[in-house]
Amino acid sequence: MNDEQELLEPNPVYKDYPTKKHGWIYIAVDMRDLSFSKIGLTTEEVPARRVAQGRTYNPFITLFTTYDLGRSTFGISQQELNAIEGNIHRRSVFGYPRKHLDSGRDSEWFPINPDDAEGQVDLVLAKRGFSVDHEHLYEVYDNANNLHGLNLRAMRKIKKIYRPLPGQMRQLAEEAGYSARLIRPYLDYLEEFYTEGHHGQVWL
């Protein structure tokens, strides 16, 4: 824990709004093409339910990372969730959202690979002032718990990554009647992820 935790206060802009029982920011991918990422929010009990709704029109969508903001020190309101999602969607580093072909409206899909999207969402949440158990997500002290400005101990309490073993994913595809070649980009990513020393393994 750091020396600032006793000074923590809820965000004054949102402190009077009721908090949600569940509030998540999530990143999802299409296993056939990892050059795009879906970044959204849900107040479902588990974000997998929200992603499952998307599988009705795209069976290749899968979760990549989730952030359980309902677990933050002061909880999360619908209003702040919406503000965070809007902030993320407006940041130029994510690129312009892809348009729905039928309506021309913005989608939640962005031309950014999921690793980069995850790193940016990490920073957005940390720099916004979130804390978990009265411990800042943003780490200002140079120590073993500091990962590029992130408080590893606190972030691990709300962040979960989804990285199935490549062999398990290949078997699931084949059992569903798909050739593993269809999800080769995702399988290649997982094989690289599980090589010794991959930086992302710190979140497992």
Foldseek 3Di string as FASTA:
>chain_A
DDPCLVVDDPDPVPLPADAAQWKKWFWKDQLQDQQKIFTDMDSPPDCVVVVVVVCVPPVRIDTFKMFTQCQWPRHHHPVVSVVLLVVLQPDPVQPHADADPVPRDGHRMTRHGPVVSVVVSLVSQQVVFIWGPSHGQFDDDPDPLQDPRGRNVTRLVGMAGDQDALVVVCVVCVVVPHHVNSSVSNSVVSVVCPDPPRPVVSSD
